[in-house]
Amino acid sequence: QMDSLKPEDTDVYFCAADQAWTTIAIQRGRSS
């Protein structure tokens, strides 16, 4: 849910999944 949207929020948005929370916390999800 995106509220108070700004022009800088303009992007393609991706959903990702990974088994390890560390992938999210350390890699910021980029290696999902």
Full PDB file with SEQRES, HELIX, SHEET, SSBOND, CRYST1, ORIGX, SCALE, CONECT and MASTER records, all heavy atoms in Angstrom:
SEQRES   1 A   32  GLN MET ASP SER LEU LYS PRO GLU ASP THR ASP VAL TYR          
SEQRES   2 A   32  PHE CYS ALA ALA ASP GLN ALA TRP THR THR ILE ALA ILE          
SEQRES   3 A   32  GLN ARG GLY ARG SER SER                                      
HELIX    1 AA1 PRO A    7  ASP A    9  5                                   3    
HELIX    2 AA2 TRP A   21  ALA A   25  1                                   5    
CRYST1    1.000    1.000    1.000  90.00  90.00  90.00 P 1           1          
ORIGX1      1.000000  0.000000  0.000000        0.00000                         
ORIGX2      0.000000  1.000000  0.000000        0.00000                         
ORIGX3      0.000000  0.000000  1.000000        0.00000                         
SCALE1      1.000000  0.000000  0.000000        0.00000                         
SCALE2      0.000000  1.000000  0.000000        0.00000                         
SCALE3      0.000000  0.000000  1.000000        0.00000                         
ATOM      1  N   GLN A   1       0.855  -1.180   0.000  1.00  0.00           N  
ATOM      2  CA  GLN A   1       0.000   0.000   0.000  1.00  0.00           C  
ATOM      3  C   GLN A   1       0.892   1.231   0.000  1.00  0.00           C  
ATOM      4  O   GLN A   1       1.689   1.423   0.920  1.00  0.00           O  
ATOM      5  CB  GLN A   1      -0.917   0.002   1.221  1.00  0.00           C  
ATOM      6  CG  GLN A   1      -1.784   1.250   1.353  1.00  0.00           C  
ATOM      7  CD  GLN A   1      -2.817   1.352   0.260  1.00  0.00           C  
ATOM      8  OE1 GLN A   1      -3.456   0.358  -0.081  1.00  0.00           O  
ATOM      9  NE2 GLN A   1      -2.983   2.541  -0.302  1.00  0.00           N  
ATOM     10  N   MET A   2       0.756   2.057  -1.020  1.00  0.00           N  
ATOM     11  CA  MET A   2       1.594   3.231  -1.181  1.00  0.00           C  
ATOM     12  C   MET A   2       0.742   4.482  -1.057  1.00  0.00           C  
ATOM     13  O   MET A   2      -0.163   4.712  -1.860  1.00  0.00           O  
ATOM     14  CB  MET A   2       2.311   3.203  -2.528  1.00  0.00           C  
ATOM     15  CG  MET A   2       3.150   1.951  -2.742  1.00  0.00           C  
ATOM     16  SD  MET A   2       4.082   1.987  -4.296  1.00  0.00           S  
ATOM     17  CE  MET A   2       2.722   1.905  -5.471  1.00  0.00           C  
ATOM     18  N   ASP A   3       1.032   5.280  -0.054  1.00  0.00           N  
ATOM     19  CA  ASP A   3       0.334   6.533   0.185  1.00  0.00           C  
ATOM     20  C   ASP A   3       1.316   7.691   0.080  1.00  0.00           C  
ATOM     21  O   ASP A   3       2.525   7.508   0.150  1.00  0.00           O  
ATOM     22  CB  ASP A   3      -0.323   6.531   1.565  1.00  0.00           C  
ATOM     23  CG  ASP A   3      -1.366   5.452   1.736  1.00  0.00           C  
ATOM     24  OD1 ASP A   3      -2.160   5.238   0.810  1.00  0.00           O  
ATOM     25  OD2 ASP A   3      -1.382   4.819   2.815  1.00  0.00           O  
ATOM     26  N   SER A   4       0.780   8.894  -0.061  1.00  0.00           N  
ATOM     27  CA  SER A   4       1.603  10.102  -0.167  1.00  0.00           C  
ATOM     28  C   SER A   4       2.696   9.928  -1.213  1.00  0.00           C  
ATOM     29  O   SER A   4       3.866  10.233  -0.978  1.00  0.00           O  
ATOM     30  CB  SER A   4       2.208  10.442   1.196  1.00  0.00           C  
ATOM     31  OG  SER A   4       1.205  10.651   2.169  1.00  0.00           O  
ATOM     32  N   LEU A   5       2.317   9.449  -2.374  1.00  0.00           N  
ATOM     33  CA  LEU A   5       3.285   9.157  -3.416  1.00  0.00           C  
ATOM     34  C   LEU A   5       3.964  10.421  -3.921  1.00  0.00           C  
ATOM     35  O   LEU A   5       3.353  11.492  -3.998  1.00  0.00           O  
ATOM     36  CB  LEU A   5       2.609   8.431  -4.569  1.00  0.00           C  
ATOM     37  CG  LEU A   5       2.336   6.945  -4.310  1.00  0.00           C  
ATOM     38  CD1 LEU A   5       1.306   6.400  -5.281  1.00  0.00           C  
ATOM     39  CD2 LEU A   5       3.634   6.153  -4.407  1.00  0.00           C  
ATOM     40  N   LYS A   6       5.230  10.262  -4.264  1.00  0.00           N  
ATOM     41  CA  LYS A   6       6.050  11.345  -4.776  1.00  0.00           C  
ATOM     42  C   LYS A   6       6.540  10.997  -6.176  1.00  0.00           C  
ATOM     43  O   LYS A   6       6.629   9.825  -6.524  1.00  0.00           O  
ATOM     44  CB  LYS A   6       7.252  11.579  -3.857  1.00  0.00           C  
ATOM     45  CG  LYS A   6       6.901  11.843  -2.409  1.00  0.00           C  
ATOM     46  CD  LYS A   6       8.157  11.924  -1.557  1.00  0.00           C  
ATOM     47  CE  LYS A   6       7.823  12.165  -0.098  1.00  0.00           C  
ATOM     48  NZ  LYS A   6       9.043  12.226   0.743  1.00  0.00           N  
ATOM     49  N   PRO A   7       6.875  12.003  -6.987  1.00  0.00           N  
ATOM     50  CA  PRO A   7       7.402  11.701  -8.321  1.00  0.00           C  
ATOM     51  C   PRO A   7       8.609  10.770  -8.289  1.00  0.00           C  
ATOM     52  O   PRO A   7       8.775   9.953  -9.203  1.00  0.00           O  
ATOM     53  CB  PRO A   7       7.776  13.082  -8.864  1.00  0.00           C  
ATOM     54  CG  PRO A   7       6.815  14.004  -8.197  1.00  0.00           C  
ATOM     55  CD  PRO A   7       6.657  13.447  -6.800  1.00  0.00           C  
ATOM     56  N   GLU A   8       9.442  10.854  -7.268  1.00  0.00           N  
ATOM     57  CA  GLU A   8      10.603   9.987  -7.170  1.00  0.00           C  
ATOM     58  C   GLU A   8      10.252   8.535  -6.879  1.00  0.00           C  
ATOM     59  O   GLU A   8      11.119   7.664  -6.918  1.00  0.00           O  
ATOM     60  CB  GLU A   8      11.599  10.503  -6.121  1.00  0.00           C  
ATOM     61  CG  GLU A   8      10.973  10.797  -4.768  1.00  0.00           C  
ATOM     62  CD  GLU A   8      10.654  12.269  -4.591  1.00  0.00           C  
ATOM     63  OE1 GLU A   8      10.115  12.878  -5.529  1.00  0.00           O  
ATOM     64  OE2 GLU A   8      10.962  12.817  -3.505  1.00  0.00           O  
ATOM     65  N   ASP A   9       8.985   8.256  -6.584  1.00  0.00           N  
ATOM     66  CA  ASP A   9       8.530   6.883  -6.430  1.00  0.00           C  
ATOM     67  C   ASP A   9       8.264   6.212  -7.773  1.00  0.00           C  
ATOM     68  O   ASP A   9       7.958   5.017  -7.813  1.00  0.00           O  
ATOM     69  CB  ASP A   9       7.261   6.822  -5.580  1.00  0.00           C  
ATOM     70  CG  ASP A   9       7.486   7.270  -4.147  1.00  0.00           C  
ATOM     71  OD1 ASP A   9       8.533   6.906  -3.570  1.00  0.00           O  
ATOM     72  OD2 ASP A   9       6.612   7.969  -3.600  1.00  0.00           O  
ATOM     73  N   THR A  10       8.344   6.970  -8.851  1.00  0.00           N  
ATOM     74  CA  THR A  10       8.135   6.419 -10.187  1.00  0.00           C  
ATOM     75  C   THR A  10       9.197   5.363 -10.488  1.00  0.00           C  
ATOM     76  O   THR A  10      10.395   5.661 -10.500  1.00  0.00           O  
ATOM     77  CB  THR A  10       8.180   7.531 -11.240  1.00  0.00           C  
ATOM     78  OG1 THR A  10       7.078   8.420 -11.037  1.00  0.00           O  
ATOM     79  CG2 THR A  10       8.096   6.945 -12.642  1.00  0.00           C  
ATOM     80  N   ASP A  11       8.749   4.150 -10.716  1.00  0.00           N  
ATOM     81  CA  ASP A  11       9.653   3.018 -10.931  1.00  0.00           C  
ATOM     82  C   ASP A  11       8.827   1.820 -11.384  1.00  0.00           C  
ATOM     83  O   ASP A  11       7.600   1.834 -11.313  1.00  0.00           O  
ATOM     84  CB  ASP A  11      10.377   2.624  -9.633  1.00  0.00           C  
ATOM     85  CG  ASP A  11      11.628   3.423  -9.364  1.00  0.00           C  
ATOM     86  OD1 ASP A  11      12.446   3.591 -10.287  1.00  0.00           O  
ATOM     87  OD2 ASP A  11      11.805   3.862  -8.206  1.00  0.00           O  
ATOM     88  N   VAL A  12       9.530   0.798 -11.840  1.00  0.00           N  
ATOM     89  CA  VAL A  12       8.926  -0.509 -11.977  1.00  0.00           C  
ATOM     90  C   VAL A  12       9.104  -1.221 -10.642  1.00  0.00           C  
ATOM     91  O   VAL A  12      10.216  -1.294 -10.112  1.00  0.00           O  
ATOM     92  CB  VAL A  12       9.558  -1.338 -13.112  1.00  0.00           C  
ATOM     93  CG1 VAL A  12       8.958  -2.737 -13.150  1.00  0.00           C  
ATOM     94  CG2 VAL A  12       9.350  -0.631 -14.446  1.00  0.00           C  
ATOM     95  N   TYR A  13       8.022  -1.739 -10.099  1.00  0.00           N  
ATOM     96  CA  TYR A  13       8.049  -2.380  -8.800  1.00  0.00           C  
ATOM     97  C   TYR A  13       7.995  -3.897  -8.963  1.00  0.00           C  
ATOM     98  O   TYR A  13       7.172  -4.421  -9.717  1.00  0.00           O  
ATOM     99  CB  TYR A  13       6.877  -1.904  -7.939  1.00  0.00           C  
ATOM    100  CG  TYR A  13       7.094  -0.524  -7.371  1.00  0.00           C  
ATOM    101  CD1 TYR A  13       7.071   0.591  -8.206  1.00  0.00           C  
ATOM    102  CD2 TYR A  13       7.340  -0.337  -6.014  1.00  0.00           C  
ATOM    103  CE1 TYR A  13       7.288   1.860  -7.699  1.00  0.00           C  
ATOM    104  CE2 TYR A  13       7.553   0.924  -5.497  1.00  0.00           C  
ATOM    105  CZ  TYR A  13       7.529   2.022  -6.347  1.00  0.00           C  
ATOM    106  OH  TYR A  13       7.744   3.285  -5.836  1.00  0.00           O  
ATOM    107  N   PHE A  14       8.878  -4.578  -8.246  1.00  0.00           N  
ATOM    108  CA  PHE A  14       9.009  -6.024  -8.334  1.00  0.00           C  
ATOM    109  C   PHE A  14       8.723  -6.680  -6.994  1.00  0.00           C  
ATOM    110  O   PHE A  14       9.140  -6.195  -5.950  1.00  0.00           O  
ATOM    111  CB  PHE A  14      10.418  -6.429  -8.769  1.00  0.00           C  
ATOM    112  CG  PHE A  14      10.803  -5.947 -10.133  1.00  0.00           C  
ATOM    113  CD1 PHE A  14      11.376  -4.705 -10.314  1.00  0.00           C  
ATOM    114  CD2 PHE A  14      10.592  -6.751 -11.242  1.00  0.00           C  
ATOM    115  CE1 PHE A  14      11.744  -4.256 -11.569  1.00  0.00           C  
ATOM    116  CE2 PHE A  14      10.957  -6.326 -12.502  1.00  0.00           C  
ATOM    117  CZ  PHE A  14      11.532  -5.073 -12.669  1.00  0.00           C  
ATOM    118  N   CYS A  15       8.054  -7.789  -7.051  1.00  0.00           N  
ATOM    119  CA  CYS A  15       7.870  -8.662  -5.902  1.00  0.00           C  
ATOM    120  C   CYS A  15       8.937  -9.742  -5.947  1.00  0.00           C  
ATOM    121  O   CYS A  15       9.257 -10.258  -7.019  1.00  0.00           O  
ATOM    122  CB  CYS A  15       6.468  -9.277  -5.941  1.00  0.00           C  
ATOM    123  SG  CYS A  15       6.081 -10.373  -4.569  1.00  0.00           S  
ATOM    124  N   ALA A  16       9.512 -10.081  -4.804  1.00  0.00           N  
ATOM    125  CA  ALA A  16      10.564 -11.077  -4.740  1.00  0.00           C  
ATOM    126  C   ALA A  16      10.357 -11.986  -3.543  1.00  0.00           C  
ATOM    127  O   ALA A  16       9.697 -11.620  -2.572  1.00  0.00           O  
ATOM    128  CB  ALA A  16      11.937 -10.406  -4.652  1.00  0.00           C  
ATOM    129  N   ALA A  17      10.947 -13.176  -3.616  1.00  0.00           N  
ATOM    130  CA  ALA A  17      10.826 -14.155  -2.536  1.00  0.00           C  
ATOM    131  C   ALA A  17      12.152 -14.861  -2.309  1.00  0.00           C  
ATOM    132  O   ALA A  17      12.871 -15.177  -3.256  1.00  0.00           O  
ATOM    133  CB  ALA A  17       9.742 -15.180  -2.863  1.00  0.00           C  
ATOM    134  N   ASP A  18      12.466 -15.108  -1.051  1.00  0.00           N  
ATOM    135  CA  ASP A  18      13.677 -15.837  -0.696  1.00  0.00           C  
ATOM    136  C   ASP A  18      13.465 -16.557   0.621  1.00  0.00           C  
ATOM    137  O   ASP A  18      12.694 -16.098   1.468  1.00  0.00           O  
ATOM    138  CB  ASP A  18      14.876 -14.887  -0.602  1.00  0.00           C  
ATOM    139  CG  ASP A  18      16.193 -15.623  -0.681  1.00  0.00           C  
ATOM    140  OD1 ASP A  18      16.694 -16.052   0.386  1.00  0.00           O  
ATOM    141  OD2 ASP A  18      16.713 -15.770  -1.802  1.00  0.00           O  
ATOM    142  N   GLN A  19      14.179 -17.653   0.804  1.00  0.00           N  
ATOM    143  CA  GLN A  19      14.036 -18.454   2.011  1.00  0.00           C  
ATOM    144  C   GLN A  19      14.725 -17.852   3.222  1.00  0.00           C  
ATOM    145  O   GLN A  19      14.327 -18.117   4.357  1.00  0.00           O  
ATOM    146  CB  GLN A  19      14.602 -19.858   1.788  1.00  0.00           C  
ATOM    147  CG  GLN A  19      13.875 -20.671   0.745  1.00  0.00           C  
ATOM    148  CD  GLN A  19      14.453 -22.062   0.632  1.00  0.00           C  
ATOM    149  OE1 GLN A  19      14.534 -22.792   1.618  1.00  0.00           O  
ATOM    150  NE2 GLN A  19      14.846 -22.427  -0.571  1.00  0.00           N  
ATOM    151  N   ALA A  20      15.769 -17.065   2.990  1.00  0.00           N  
ATOM    152  CA  ALA A  20      16.579 -16.544   4.088  1.00  0.00           C  
ATOM    153  C   ALA A  20      16.284 -15.077   4.354  1.00  0.00           C  
ATOM    154  O   ALA A  20      16.378 -14.247   3.453  1.00  0.00           O  
ATOM    155  CB  ALA A  20      18.060 -16.724   3.783  1.00  0.00           C  
ATOM    156  N   TRP A  21      15.967 -14.766   5.604  1.00  0.00           N  
ATOM    157  CA  TRP A  21      15.755 -13.374   5.971  1.00  0.00           C  
ATOM    158  C   TRP A  21      17.040 -12.567   5.811  1.00  0.00           C  
ATOM    159  O   TRP A  21      16.979 -11.369   5.529  1.00  0.00           O  
ATOM    160  CB  TRP A  21      15.242 -13.282   7.401  1.00  0.00           C  
ATOM    161  CG  TRP A  21      14.889 -11.888   7.822  1.00  0.00           C  
ATOM    162  CD1 TRP A  21      15.544 -11.104   8.722  1.00  0.00           C  
ATOM    163  CD2 TRP A  21      13.789 -11.107   7.335  1.00  0.00           C  
ATOM    164  NE1 TRP A  21      14.922  -9.891   8.839  1.00  0.00           N  
ATOM    165  CE2 TRP A  21      13.842  -9.856   8.004  1.00  0.00           C  
ATOM    166  CE3 TRP A  21      12.772 -11.342   6.419  1.00  0.00           C  
ATOM    167  CZ2 TRP A  21      12.913  -8.850   7.771  1.00  0.00           C  
ATOM    168  CZ3 TRP A  21      11.846 -10.339   6.181  1.00  0.00           C  
ATOM    169  CH2 TRP A  21      11.924  -9.119   6.852  1.00  0.00           C  
ATOM    170  N   THR A  22      18.182 -13.220   5.949  1.00  0.00           N  
ATOM    171  CA  THR A  22      19.458 -12.553   5.769  1.00  0.00           C  
ATOM    172  C   THR A  22      19.591 -11.981   4.357  1.00  0.00           C  
ATOM    173  O   THR A  22      20.193 -10.925   4.160  1.00  0.00           O  
ATOM    174  CB  THR A  22      20.624 -13.514   6.055  1.00  0.00           C  
ATOM    175  OG1 THR A  22      20.508 -14.018   7.385  1.00  0.00           O  
ATOM    176  CG2 THR A  22      21.961 -12.793   5.916  1.00  0.00           C  
ATOM    177  N   THR A  23      19.033 -12.660   3.382  1.00  0.00           N  
ATOM    178  CA  THR A  23      19.040 -12.156   2.011  1.00  0.00           C  
ATOM    179  C   THR A  23      18.350 -10.801   1.941  1.00  0.00           C  
ATOM    180  O   THR A  23      18.768  -9.909   1.208  1.00  0.00           O  
ATOM    181  CB  THR A  23      18.351 -13.143   1.063  1.00  0.00           C  
ATOM    182  OG1 THR A  23      19.055 -14.383   1.083  1.00  0.00           O  
ATOM    183  CG2 THR A  23      18.319 -12.597  -0.361  1.00  0.00           C  
ATOM    184  N   ILE A  24      17.307 -10.645   2.704  1.00  0.00           N  
ATOM    185  CA  ILE A  24      16.567  -9.388   2.748  1.00  0.00           C  
ATOM    186  C   ILE A  24      17.336  -8.339   3.537  1.00  0.00           C  
ATOM    187  O   ILE A  24      17.517  -7.208   3.095  1.00  0.00           O  
ATOM    188  CB  ILE A  24      15.174  -9.590   3.359  1.00  0.00           C  
ATOM    189  CG1 ILE A  24      14.417 -10.697   2.627  1.00  0.00           C  
ATOM    190  CG2 ILE A  24      14.399  -8.277   3.342  1.00  0.00           C  
ATOM    191  CD1 ILE A  24      14.223 -10.447   1.155  1.00  0.00           C  
ATOM    192  N   ALA A  25      17.810  -8.710   4.715  1.00  0.00           N  
ATOM    193  CA  ALA A  25      18.454  -7.764   5.624  1.00  0.00           C  
ATOM    194  C   ALA A  25      19.819  -7.309   5.128  1.00  0.00           C  
ATOM    195  O   ALA A  25      20.170  -6.137   5.278  1.00  0.00           O  
ATOM    196  CB  ALA A  25      18.588  -8.385   7.012  1.00  0.00           C  
ATOM    197  N   ILE A  26      20.598  -8.213   4.550  1.00  0.00           N  
ATOM    198  CA  ILE A  26      21.954  -7.907   4.120  1.00  0.00           C  
ATOM    199  C   ILE A  26      22.006  -7.503   2.652  1.00  0.00           C  
ATOM    200  O   ILE A  26      22.603  -6.483   2.299  1.00  0.00           O  
ATOM    201  CB  ILE A  26      22.904  -9.093   4.376  1.00  0.00           C  
ATOM    202  CG1 ILE A  26      22.869  -9.491   5.849  1.00  0.00           C  
ATOM    203  CG2 ILE A  26      24.322  -8.730   3.938  1.00  0.00           C  
ATOM    204  CD1 ILE A  26      23.256  -8.390   6.801  1.00  0.00           C  
ATOM    205  N   GLN A  27      21.409  -8.302   1.804  1.00  0.00           N  
ATOM    206  CA  GLN A  27      21.435  -8.045   0.363  1.00  0.00           C  
ATOM    207  C   GLN A  27      20.314  -7.125  -0.096  1.00  0.00           C  
ATOM    208  O   GLN A  27      20.226  -6.812  -1.291  1.00  0.00           O  
ATOM    209  CB  GLN A  27      21.373  -9.363  -0.406  1.00  0.00           C  
ATOM    210  CG  GLN A  27      22.564 -10.274  -0.161  1.00  0.00           C  
ATOM    211  CD  GLN A  27      23.849  -9.682  -0.688  1.00  0.00           C  
ATOM    212  OE1 GLN A  27      23.844  -8.971  -1.700  1.00  0.00           O  
ATOM    213  NE2 GLN A  27      24.948  -9.953  -0.010  1.00  0.00           N  
ATOM    214  N   ARG A  28      19.465  -6.725   0.800  1.00  0.00           N  
ATOM    215  CA  ARG A  28      18.349  -5.833   0.508  1.00  0.00           C  
ATOM    216  C   ARG A  28      17.439  -6.418  -0.572  1.00  0.00           C  
ATOM    217  O   ARG A  28      16.853  -5.686  -1.370  1.00  0.00           O  
ATOM    218  CB  ARG A  28      18.852  -4.457   0.097  1.00  0.00           C  
ATOM    219  CG  ARG A  28      19.896  -3.868   1.052  1.00  0.00           C  
ATOM    220  CD  ARG A  28      19.308  -3.626   2.433  1.00  0.00           C  
ATOM    221  NE  ARG A  28      18.525  -2.414   2.492  1.00  0.00           N  
ATOM    222  CZ  ARG A  28      17.779  -2.053   3.525  1.00  0.00           C  
ATOM    223  NH1 ARG A  28      17.698  -2.844   4.589  1.00  0.00           N  
ATOM    224  NH2 ARG A  28      17.110  -0.913   3.494  1.00  0.00           N  
ATOM    225  N   GLY A  29      17.353  -7.734  -0.599  1.00  0.00           N  
ATOM    226  CA  GLY A  29      16.461  -8.436  -1.499  1.00  0.00           C  
ATOM    227  C   GLY A  29      16.942  -8.602  -2.918  1.00  0.00           C  
ATOM    228  O   GLY A  29      16.288  -9.285  -3.705  1.00  0.00           O  
ATOM    229  N   ARG A  30      18.074  -8.000  -3.256  1.00  0.00           N  
ATOM    230  CA  ARG A  30      18.527  -7.997  -4.645  1.00  0.00           C  
ATOM    231  C   ARG A  30      18.940  -9.376  -5.153  1.00  0.00           C  
ATOM    232  O   ARG A  30      18.955  -9.601  -6.354  1.00  0.00           O  
ATOM    233  CB  ARG A  30      19.665  -6.998  -4.833  1.00  0.00           C  
ATOM    234  CG  ARG A  30      19.201  -5.548  -4.767  1.00  0.00           C  
ATOM    235  CD  ARG A  30      20.321  -4.558  -5.029  1.00  0.00           C  
ATOM    236  NE  ARG A  30      21.239  -4.453  -3.910  1.00  0.00           N  
ATOM    237  CZ  ARG A  30      22.477  -4.920  -3.911  1.00  0.00           C  
ATOM    238  NH1 ARG A  30      22.951  -5.531  -4.977  1.00  0.00           N  
ATOM    239  NH2 ARG A  30      23.249  -4.775  -2.848  1.00  0.00           N  
ATOM    240  N   SER A  31      19.281 -10.292  -4.254  1.00  0.00           N  
ATOM    241  CA  SER A  31      19.666 -11.639  -4.640  1.00  0.00           C  
ATOM    242  C   SER A  31      18.553 -12.649  -4.368  1.00  0.00           C  
ATOM    243  O   SER A  31      18.815 -13.843  -4.238  1.00  0.00           O  
ATOM    244  CB  SER A  31      20.948 -12.062  -3.922  1.00  0.00           C  
ATOM    245  OG  SER A  31      20.771 -12.053  -2.514  1.00  0.00           O  
ATOM    246  N   SER A  32      17.337 -12.188  -4.281  1.00  0.00           N  
ATOM    247  CA  SER A  32      16.211 -13.067  -4.011  1.00  0.00           C  
ATOM    248  C   SER A  32      16.096 -14.159  -5.067  1.00  0.00           C  
ATOM    249  O   SER A  32      16.415 -13.953  -6.235  1.00  0.00           O  
ATOM    250  CB  SER A  32      14.914 -12.269  -3.949  1.00  0.00           C  
ATOM    251  OG  SER A  32      14.911 -11.391  -2.840  1.00  0.00           O  
TER     252      SER A  32                                                      
MASTER        0    0    0    2    0    0    0    6  251    1    0    3          
END                                                                             
